[in-house]
PDB file of N, CA and C in Angstrom:
ATOM      1  N   MET A   1      16.331   9.593  20.565  1.00  0.00           N
ATOM      2  CA  MET A   1      17.755   9.358  20.426  1.00  0.00           C
ATOM      3  C   MET A   1      18.455   9.600  21.761  1.00  0.00           C
ATOM      4  N   ARG A   2      18.109  10.668  22.424  1.00  0.00           N
ATOM      5  CA  ARG A   2      18.766  10.964  23.695  1.00  0.00           C
ATOM      6  C   ARG A   2      18.177  10.162  24.852  1.00  0.00           C
ATOM      7  N   SER A   3      16.903   9.791  24.738  1.00  0.00           N
ATOM      8  CA  SER A   3      16.278   9.081  25.843  1.00  0.00           C
ATOM      9  C   SER A   3      16.713   7.621  25.910  1.00  0.00           C
ATOM     10  N   SER A   4      17.034   7.024  24.756  1.00  0.00           N
ATOM     11  CA  SER A   4      17.444   5.626  24.754  1.00  0.00           C
ATOM     12  C   SER A   4      18.479   5.385  23.652  1.00  0.00           C
ATOM     13  N   PRO A   5      19.752   5.527  23.972  1.00  0.00           N
ATOM     14  CA  PRO A   5      20.785   5.282  22.965  1.00  0.00           C
ATOM     15  C   PRO A   5      20.742   3.857  22.409  1.00  0.00           C
ATOM     16  N   ARG A   6      20.350   2.910  23.251  1.00  0.00           N
ATOM     17  CA  ARG A   6      20.277   1.521  22.794  1.00  0.00           C
ATOM     18  C   ARG A   6      19.203   1.360  21.712  1.00  0.00           C
ATOM     19  N   PHE A   7      18.029   1.947  21.944  1.00  0.00           N
ATOM     20  CA  PHE A   7      16.955   1.886  20.961  1.00  0.00           C
ATOM     21  C   PHE A   7      17.347   2.631  19.685  1.00  0.00           C
ATOM     22  N   HIS A   8      17.976   3.781  19.824  1.00  0.00           N
ATOM     23  CA  HIS A   8      18.419   4.547  18.669  1.00  0.00           C
ATOM     24  C   HIS A   8      19.429   3.758  17.830  1.00  0.00           C
ATOM     25  N   ARG A   9      20.356   3.097  18.487  1.00  0.00           N
ATOM     26  CA  ARG A   9      21.345   2.287  17.778  1.00  0.00           C
ATOM     27  C   ARG A   9      20.659   1.138  17.034  1.00  0.00           C
ATOM     28  N   TRP A  10      19.714   0.469  17.710  1.00  0.00           N
ATOM     29  CA  TRP A  10      18.993  -0.634  17.069  1.00  0.00           C
ATOM     30  C   TRP A  10      18.233  -0.141  15.847  1.00  0.00           C
ATOM     31  N   LEU A  11      17.554   0.992  15.990  1.00  0.00           N
ATOM     32  CA  LEU A  11      16.772   1.548  14.891  1.00  0.00           C
ATOM     33  C   LEU A  11      17.681   1.989  13.740  1.00  0.00           C
ATOM     34  N   SER A  12      18.799   2.599  14.055  1.00  0.00           N
ATOM     35  CA  SER A  12      19.734   3.058  13.023  1.00  0.00           C
ATOM     36  C   SER A  12      20.384   1.905  12.270  1.00  0.00           C
ATOM     37  N   GLU A  13      20.559   0.769  12.933  1.00  0.00           N
ATOM     38  CA  GLU A  13      21.186  -0.380  12.289  1.00  0.00           C
ATOM     39  C   GLU A  13      20.166  -1.333  11.667  1.00  0.00           C
ATOM     40  N   HIS A  14      18.884  -1.024  11.803  1.00  0.00           N
ATOM     41  CA  HIS A  14      17.840  -1.876  11.247  1.00  0.00           C
ATOM     42  C   HIS A  14      17.902  -1.842   9.723  1.00  0.00           C
ATOM     43  N   PRO A  15      17.762  -3.003   9.044  1.00  0.00           N
ATOM     44  CA  PRO A  15      17.875  -3.023   7.588  1.00  0.00           C
ATOM     45  C   PRO A  15      16.804  -2.201   6.861  1.00  0.00           C
ATOM     46  N   THR A  16      15.624  -2.087   7.428  1.00  0.00           N
ATOM     47  CA  THR A  16      14.566  -1.320   6.778  1.00  0.00           C
ATOM     48  C   THR A  16      14.573   0.143   7.194  1.00  0.00           C
ATOM     49  N   PHE A  17      14.640   0.395   8.501  1.00  0.00           N
ATOM     50  CA  PHE A  17      14.517   1.758   8.995  1.00  0.00           C
ATOM     51  C   PHE A  17      15.831   2.535   8.991  1.00  0.00           C
ATOM     52  N   GLY A  18      16.955   1.835   9.027  1.00  0.00           N
ATOM     53  CA  GLY A  18      18.259   2.486   9.081  1.00  0.00           C
ATOM     54  C   GLY A  18      18.514   3.461   7.944  1.00  0.00           C
ATOM     55  N   PRO A  19      18.350   3.026   6.670  1.00  0.00           N
ATOM     56  CA  PRO A  19      18.584   3.967   5.564  1.00  0.00           C
ATOM     57  C   PRO A  19      17.636   5.162   5.571  1.00  0.00           C
ATOM     58  N   ILE A  20      16.409   4.950   5.992  1.00  0.00           N
ATOM     59  CA  ILE A  20      15.443   6.057   6.049  1.00  0.00           C
ATOM     60  C   ILE A  20      15.893   7.091   7.082  1.00  0.00           C
ATOM     61  N   ILE A  21      16.279   6.612   8.253  1.00  0.00           N
ATOM     62  CA  ILE A  21      16.736   7.508   9.322  1.00  0.00           C
ATOM     63  C   ILE A  21      18.029   8.203   8.922  1.00  0.00           C
ATOM     64  N   SER A  22      18.922   7.474   8.296  1.00  0.00           N
ATOM     65  CA  SER A  22      20.189   8.054   7.848  1.00  0.00           C
ATOM     66  C   SER A  22      19.953   9.176   6.833  1.00  0.00           C
ATOM     67  N   ASN A  23      19.079   8.926   5.857  1.00  0.00           N
ATOM     68  CA  ASN A  23      18.755   9.970   4.870  1.00  0.00           C
ATOM     69  C   ASN A  23      18.174  11.196   5.547  1.00  0.00           C
ATOM     70  N   TRP A  24      17.319  10.979   6.533  1.00  0.00           N
ATOM     71  CA  TRP A  24      16.693  12.119   7.205  1.00  0.00           C
ATOM     72  C   TRP A  24      17.723  12.919   8.001  1.00  0.00           C
ATOM     73  N   HIS A  25      18.601  12.219   8.729  1.00  0.00           N
ATOM     74  CA  HIS A  25      19.597  12.926   9.535  1.00  0.00           C
ATOM     75  C   HIS A  25      20.632  13.645   8.664  1.00  0.00           C
ATOM     76  N   GLN A  26      21.029  13.042   7.568  1.00  0.00           N
ATOM     77  CA  GLN A  26      22.076  13.632   6.732  1.00  0.00           C
ATOM     78  C   GLN A  26      21.546  14.687   5.774  1.00  0.00           C
ATOM     79  N   HIS A  27      20.378  14.455   5.188  1.00  0.00           N
ATOM     80  CA  HIS A  27      19.912  15.318   4.096  1.00  0.00           C
ATOM     81  C   HIS A  27      18.567  15.989   4.361  1.00  0.00           C
ATOM     82  N   ARG A  28      17.915  15.634   5.463  1.00  0.00           N
ATOM     83  CA  ARG A  28      16.566  16.116   5.743  1.00  0.00           C
ATOM     84  C   ARG A  28      15.651  15.844   4.546  1.00  0.00           C
ATOM     85  N   ALA A  29      15.755  14.617   4.007  1.00  0.00           N
ATOM     86  CA  ALA A  29      14.977  14.228   2.840  1.00  0.00           C
ATOM     87  C   ALA A  29      14.619  12.749   2.937  1.00  0.00           C
ATOM     88  N   VAL A  30      13.620  12.344   2.153  1.00  0.00           N
ATOM     89  CA  VAL A  30      13.199  10.948   2.081  1.00  0.00           C
ATOM     90  C   VAL A  30      13.221  10.514   0.618  1.00  0.00           C
ATOM     91  N   SER A  31      13.244   9.209   0.389  1.00  0.00           N
ATOM     92  CA  SER A  31      13.199   8.718  -0.981  1.00  0.00           C
ATOM     93  C   SER A  31      11.768   8.774  -1.500  1.00  0.00           C
ATOM     94  N   GLN A  32      11.628   8.697  -2.799  1.00  0.00           N
ATOM     95  CA  GLN A  32      10.304   8.739  -3.417  1.00  0.00           C
ATOM     96  C   GLN A  32       9.465   7.548  -2.966  1.00  0.00           C
ATOM     97  N   LYS A  33      10.095   6.401  -2.800  1.00  0.00           N
ATOM     98  CA  LYS A  33       9.387   5.201  -2.359  1.00  0.00           C
ATOM     99  C   LYS A  33       8.839   5.385  -0.937  1.00  0.00           C
ATOM    100  N   VAL A  34       9.634   5.963  -0.055  1.00  0.00           N
ATOM    101  CA  VAL A  34       9.184   6.217   1.322  1.00  0.00           C
ATOM    102  C   VAL A  34       8.036   7.211   1.312  1.00  0.00           C
ATOM    103  N   LYS A  35       8.142   8.223   0.483  1.00  0.00           N
ATOM    104  CA  LYS A  35       7.093   9.233   0.409  1.00  0.00           C
ATOM    105  C   LYS A  35       5.778   8.616  -0.071  1.00  0.00           C
ATOM    106  N   LEU A  36       5.838   7.774  -1.075  1.00  0.00           N
ATOM    107  CA  LEU A  36       4.635   7.139  -1.598  1.00  0.00           C
ATOM    108  C   LEU A  36       4.016   6.200  -0.557  1.00  0.00           C
ATOM    109  N   ARG A  37       4.840   5.357   0.047  1.00  0.00           N
ATOM    110  CA  ARG A  37       4.337   4.435   1.070  1.00  0.00           C
ATOM    111  C   ARG A  37       3.748   5.196   2.265  1.00  0.00           C
ATOM    112  N   GLY A  38       4.417   6.243   2.687  1.00  0.00           N
ATOM    113  CA  GLY A  38       3.925   7.029   3.812  1.00  0.00           C
ATOM    114  C   GLY A  38       2.577   7.670   3.511  1.00  0.00           C
ATOM    115  N   ALA A  39       2.433   8.221   2.318  1.00  0.00           N
ATOM    116  CA  ALA A  39       1.174   8.859   1.936  1.00  0.00           C
ATOM    117  C   ALA A  39       0.043   7.830   1.884  1.00  0.00           C
ATOM    118  N   ILE A  40       0.326   6.647   1.348  1.00  0.00           N
ATOM    119  CA  ILE A  40      -0.698   5.600   1.275  1.00  0.00           C
ATOM    120  C   ILE A  40      -1.128   5.164   2.673  1.00  0.00           C
ATOM    121  N   VAL A  41      -0.170   4.968   3.566  1.00  0.00           N
ATOM    122  CA  VAL A  41      -0.497   4.547   4.933  1.00  0.00           C
ATOM    123  C   VAL A  41      -1.283   5.638   5.660  1.00  0.00           C
ATOM    124  N   MET A  42      -0.903   6.890   5.468  1.00  0.00           N
ATOM    125  CA  MET A  42      -1.643   7.981   6.114  1.00  0.00           C
ATOM    126  C   MET A  42      -3.087   8.029   5.637  1.00  0.00           C
ATOM    127  N   VAL A  43      -3.284   7.965   4.322  1.00  0.00           N
ATOM    128  CA  VAL A  43      -4.639   8.024   3.774  1.00  0.00           C
ATOM    129  C   VAL A  43      -5.455   6.826   4.258  1.00  0.00           C
ATOM    130  N   ALA A  44      -4.854   5.645   4.258  1.00  0.00           N
ATOM    131  CA  ALA A  44      -5.574   4.446   4.705  1.00  0.00           C
ATOM    132  C   ALA A  44      -5.970   4.537   6.179  1.00  0.00           C
ATOM    133  N   SER A  45      -5.039   4.954   7.015  1.00  0.00           N
ATOM    134  CA  SER A  45      -5.341   5.006   8.454  1.00  0.00           C
ATOM    135  C   SER A  45      -6.353   6.101   8.782  1.00  0.00           C
ATOM    136  N   PHE A  46      -6.222   7.264   8.142  1.00  0.00           N
ATOM    137  CA  PHE A  46      -7.192   8.326   8.393  1.00  0.00           C
ATOM    138  C   PHE A  46      -8.564   7.947   7.837  1.00  0.00           C
ATOM    139  N   SER A  47      -8.594   7.269   6.678  1.00  0.00           N
ATOM    140  CA  SER A  47      -9.875   6.842   6.104  1.00  0.00           C
ATOM    141  C   SER A  47     -10.579   5.868   7.032  1.00  0.00           C
ATOM    142  N   PHE A  48      -9.835   4.941   7.591  1.00  0.00           N
ATOM    143  CA  PHE A  48     -10.407   3.995   8.547  1.00  0.00           C
ATOM    144  C   PHE A  48     -10.929   4.732   9.773  1.00  0.00           C
ATOM    145  N   SER A  49     -10.158   5.683  10.283  1.00  0.00           N
ATOM    146  CA  SER A  49     -10.589   6.445  11.454  1.00  0.00           C
ATOM    147  C   SER A  49     -11.839   7.255  11.161  1.00  0.00           C
ATOM    148  N   ILE A  50     -11.881   7.874   9.980  1.00  0.00           N
ATOM    149  CA  ILE A  50     -13.053   8.664   9.604  1.00  0.00           C
ATOM    150  C   ILE A  50     -14.280   7.763   9.479  1.00  0.00           C
ATOM    151  N   TYR A  51     -14.095   6.564   8.981  1.00  0.00           N
ATOM    152  CA  TYR A  51     -15.194   5.612   8.844  1.00  0.00           C
ATOM    153  C   TYR A  51     -15.715   5.160  10.214  1.00  0.00           C
ATOM    154  N   ILE A  52     -14.814   4.957  11.165  1.00  0.00           N
ATOM    155  CA  ILE A  52     -15.170   4.434  12.489  1.00  0.00           C
ATOM    156  C   ILE A  52     -15.805   5.488  13.391  1.00  0.00           C
ATOM    157  N   VAL A  53     -15.349   6.715  13.314  1.00  0.00           N
ATOM    158  CA  VAL A  53     -15.800   7.770  14.243  1.00  0.00           C
ATOM    159  C   VAL A  53     -17.286   8.065  14.012  1.00  0.00           C
ATOM    160  N   PRO A  54     -18.069   8.131  15.098  1.00  0.00           N
ATOM    161  CA  PRO A  54     -19.514   8.308  14.941  1.00  0.00           C
ATOM    162  C   PRO A  54     -19.974   9.762  14.722  1.00  0.00           C
ATOM    163  N   HIS A  55     -19.187  10.736  15.127  1.00  0.00           N
ATOM    164  CA  HIS A  55     -19.623  12.136  15.074  1.00  0.00           C
ATOM    165  C   HIS A  55     -19.109  12.826  13.810  1.00  0.00           C
ATOM    166  N   ASP A  56     -19.979  13.603  13.177  1.00  0.00           N
ATOM    167  CA  ASP A  56     -19.606  14.300  11.941  1.00  0.00           C
ATOM    168  C   ASP A  56     -18.512  15.331  12.170  1.00  0.00           C
ATOM    169  N   TRP A  57     -18.549  16.048  13.301  1.00  0.00           N
ATOM    170  CA  TRP A  57     -17.536  17.075  13.547  1.00  0.00           C
ATOM    171  C   TRP A  57     -16.156  16.447  13.714  1.00  0.00           C
ATOM    172  N   LEU A  58     -16.092  15.234  14.284  1.00  0.00           N
ATOM    173  CA  LEU A  58     -14.806  14.543  14.393  1.00  0.00           C
ATOM    174  C   LEU A  58     -14.314  14.094  13.020  1.00  0.00           C
ATOM    175  N   LYS A  59     -15.232  13.663  12.174  1.00  0.00           N
ATOM    176  CA  LYS A  59     -14.856  13.269  10.811  1.00  0.00           C
ATOM    177  C   LYS A  59     -14.262  14.454  10.051  1.00  0.00           C
ATOM    178  N   ILE A  60     -14.868  15.621  10.236  1.00  0.00           N
ATOM    179  CA  ILE A  60     -14.364  16.822   9.565  1.00  0.00           C
ATOM    180  C   ILE A  60     -12.981  17.182  10.094  1.00  0.00           C
ATOM    181  N   MET A  61     -12.809  17.101  11.402  1.00  0.00           N
ATOM    182  CA  MET A  61     -11.499  17.412  11.996  1.00  0.00           C
ATOM    183  C   MET A  61     -10.424  16.433  11.514  1.00  0.00           C
ATOM    184  N   LEU A  62     -10.759  15.151  11.430  1.00  0.00           N
ATOM    185  CA  LEU A  62      -9.804  14.168  10.924  1.00  0.00           C
ATOM    186  C   LEU A  62      -9.448  14.451   9.466  1.00  0.00           C
ATOM    187  N   ALA A  63     -10.439  14.825   8.670  1.00  0.00           N
ATOM    188  CA  ALA A  63     -10.177  15.151   7.268  1.00  0.00           C
ATOM    189  C   ALA A  63      -9.261  16.363   7.151  1.00  0.00           C
ATOM    190  N   VAL A  64      -9.499  17.377   7.981  1.00  0.00           N
ATOM    191  CA  VAL A  64      -8.644  18.573   7.967  1.00  0.00           C
ATOM    192  C   VAL A  64      -7.212  18.196   8.389  1.00  0.00           C
ATOM    193  N   MET A  65      -7.108  17.387   9.438  1.00  0.00           N
ATOM    194  CA  MET A  65      -5.776  16.961   9.891  1.00  0.00           C
ATOM    195  C   MET A  65      -5.052  16.170   8.795  1.00  0.00           C
ATOM    196  N   LEU A  66      -5.780  15.324   8.073  1.00  0.00           N
ATOM    197  CA  LEU A  66      -5.180  14.565   6.976  1.00  0.00           C
ATOM    198  C   LEU A  66      -4.651  15.496   5.888  1.00  0.00           C
ATOM    199  N   VAL A  67      -5.429  16.481   5.529  1.00  0.00           N
ATOM    200  CA  VAL A  67      -4.997  17.424   4.485  1.00  0.00           C
ATOM    201  C   VAL A  67      -3.744  18.178   4.927  1.00  0.00           C
ATOM    202  N   VAL A  68      -3.731  18.640   6.171  1.00  0.00           N
ATOM    203  CA  VAL A  68      -2.569  19.372   6.682  1.00  0.00           C
ATOM    204  C   VAL A  68      -1.339  18.471   6.726  1.00  0.00           C
ATOM    205  N   LEU A  69      -1.496  17.268   7.250  1.00  0.00           N
ATOM    206  CA  LEU A  69      -0.371  16.344   7.352  1.00  0.00           C
ATOM    207  C   LEU A  69       0.147  15.934   5.983  1.00  0.00           C
ATOM    208  N   LEU A  70      -0.746  15.624   5.062  1.00  0.00           N
ATOM    209  CA  LEU A  70      -0.315  15.242   3.716  1.00  0.00           C
ATOM    210  C   LEU A  70       0.363  16.398   2.990  1.00  0.00           C
ATOM    211  N   SER A  71      -0.152  17.608   3.165  1.00  0.00           N
ATOM    212  CA  SER A  71       0.482  18.747   2.483  1.00  0.00           C
ATOM    213  C   SER A  71       1.893  18.970   3.009  1.00  0.00           C
ATOM    214  N   TRP A  72       2.118  18.758   4.296  1.00  0.00           N
ATOM    215  CA  TRP A  72       3.475  18.857   4.836  1.00  0.00           C
ATOM    216  C   TRP A  72       4.343  17.716   4.318  1.00  0.00           C
ATOM    217  N   PHE A  73       3.818  16.508   4.370  1.00  0.00           N
ATOM    218  CA  PHE A  73       4.592  15.324   3.994  1.00  0.00           C
ATOM    219  C   PHE A  73       4.960  15.334   2.510  1.00  0.00           C
ATOM    220  N   ILE A  74       4.047  15.714   1.660  1.00  0.00           N
ATOM    221  CA  ILE A  74       4.304  15.738   0.214  1.00  0.00           C
ATOM    222  C   ILE A  74       5.379  16.772  -0.136  1.00  0.00           C
ATOM    223  N   ARG A  75       5.499  17.815   0.657  1.00  0.00           N
ATOM    224  CA  ARG A  75       6.475  18.870   0.372  1.00  0.00           C
ATOM    225  C   ARG A  75       7.880  18.557   0.872  1.00  0.00           C
ATOM    226  N   LEU A  76       8.059  17.427   1.564  1.00  0.00           N
ATOM    227  CA  LEU A  76       9.402  17.053   2.009  1.00  0.00           C
ATOM    228  C   LEU A  76      10.310  16.848   0.800  1.00  0.00           C
ATOM    229  N   PRO A  77      11.572  17.234   0.914  1.00  0.00           N
ATOM    230  CA  PRO A  77      12.493  17.026  -0.201  1.00  0.00           C
ATOM    231  C   PRO A  77      12.708  15.535  -0.465  1.00  0.00           C
ATOM    232  N   VAL A  78      12.946  15.212  -1.723  1.00  0.00           N
ATOM    233  CA  VAL A  78      13.197  13.829  -2.136  1.00  0.00           C
ATOM    234  C   VAL A  78      14.680  13.675  -2.413  1.00  0.00           C
ATOM    235  N   ILE A  79      15.262  12.606  -1.868  1.00  0.00           N
ATOM    236  CA  ILE A  79      16.662  12.311  -2.138  1.00  0.00           C
ATOM    237  C   ILE A  79      16.707  11.265  -3.243  1.00  0.00           C
ATOM    238  N   GLU A  80      17.532  11.510  -4.216  1.00  0.00           N
ATOM    239  CA  GLU A  80      17.661  10.580  -5.327  1.00  0.00           C
ATOM    240  C   GLU A  80      18.479   9.372  -4.917  1.00  0.00           C
ATOM    241  N   GLN A  81      18.098   8.216  -5.415  1.00  0.00           N
ATOM    242  CA  GLN A  81      18.841   7.001  -5.136  1.00  0.00           C
ATOM    243  C   GLN A  81      20.022   6.917  -6.099  1.00  0.00           C
ATOM    244  N   LEU A  82      21.180   6.568  -5.573  1.00  0.00           N
ATOM    245  CA  LEU A  82      22.361   6.426  -6.402  1.00  0.00           C
ATOM    246  C   LEU A  82      22.573   4.951  -6.694  1.00  0.00           C
ATOM    247  N   ALA A  83      23.067   4.650  -7.874  1.00  0.00           N
ATOM    248  CA  ALA A  83      23.202   3.258  -8.311  1.00  0.00           C
ATOM    249  C   ALA A  83      24.172   2.473  -7.449  1.00  0.00           C
ATOM    250  N   ASP A  84      25.228   3.105  -6.938  1.00  0.00           N
ATOM    251  CA  ASP A  84      26.232   2.370  -6.180  1.00  0.00           C
ATOM    252  C   ASP A  84      25.915   2.310  -4.688  1.00  0.00           C
ATOM    253  N   GLN A  85      24.813   2.877  -4.232  1.00  0.00           N
ATOM    254  CA  GLN A  85      24.467   2.846  -2.823  1.00  0.00           C
ATOM    255  C   GLN A  85      23.369   1.814  -2.576  1.00  0.00           C
ATOM    256  N   GLU A  86      23.290   1.406  -1.314  1.00  0.00           N
ATOM    257  CA  GLU A  86      22.217   0.508  -0.899  1.00  0.00           C
ATOM    258  C   GLU A  86      20.887   1.201  -1.127  1.00  0.00           C
ATOM    259  N   GLU A  87      19.889   0.418  -1.490  1.00  0.00           N
ATOM    260  CA  GLU A  87      18.568   0.994  -1.782  1.00  0.00           C
ATOM    261  C   GLU A  87      18.036   1.748  -0.576  1.00  0.00           C
ATOM    262  N   ASN A  88      17.517   2.931  -0.835  1.00  0.00           N
ATOM    263  CA  ASN A  88      16.885   3.738   0.211  1.00  0.00           C
ATOM    264  C   ASN A  88      15.430   3.300   0.281  1.00  0.00           C
ATOM    265  N   HIS A  89      15.078   2.658   1.347  1.00  0.00           N
ATOM    266  CA  HIS A  89      13.729   2.115   1.472  1.00  0.00           C
ATOM    267  C   HIS A  89      12.794   3.268   1.495  1.00  0.00           C
TER     268      HIS A  89
END
């Protein structure tokens, strides 16, 4: 945000990312849909990385990192969507 105000403005006004960023800045929370999509993408990307990496110790480290990251991400507060507001992606 401070390094590039132009990029921050573009991201904040983006139709997909804008509501997510706004919810985070205002409420420090994400919608249930964002939480579900984020968890799926994390599991998919870490699973692919674990499959590709040739060393067992790296696979274990990636699995541990996934568990730590998911446990943090799942514990984020959820903001409820209101009927009169734009959908929180």
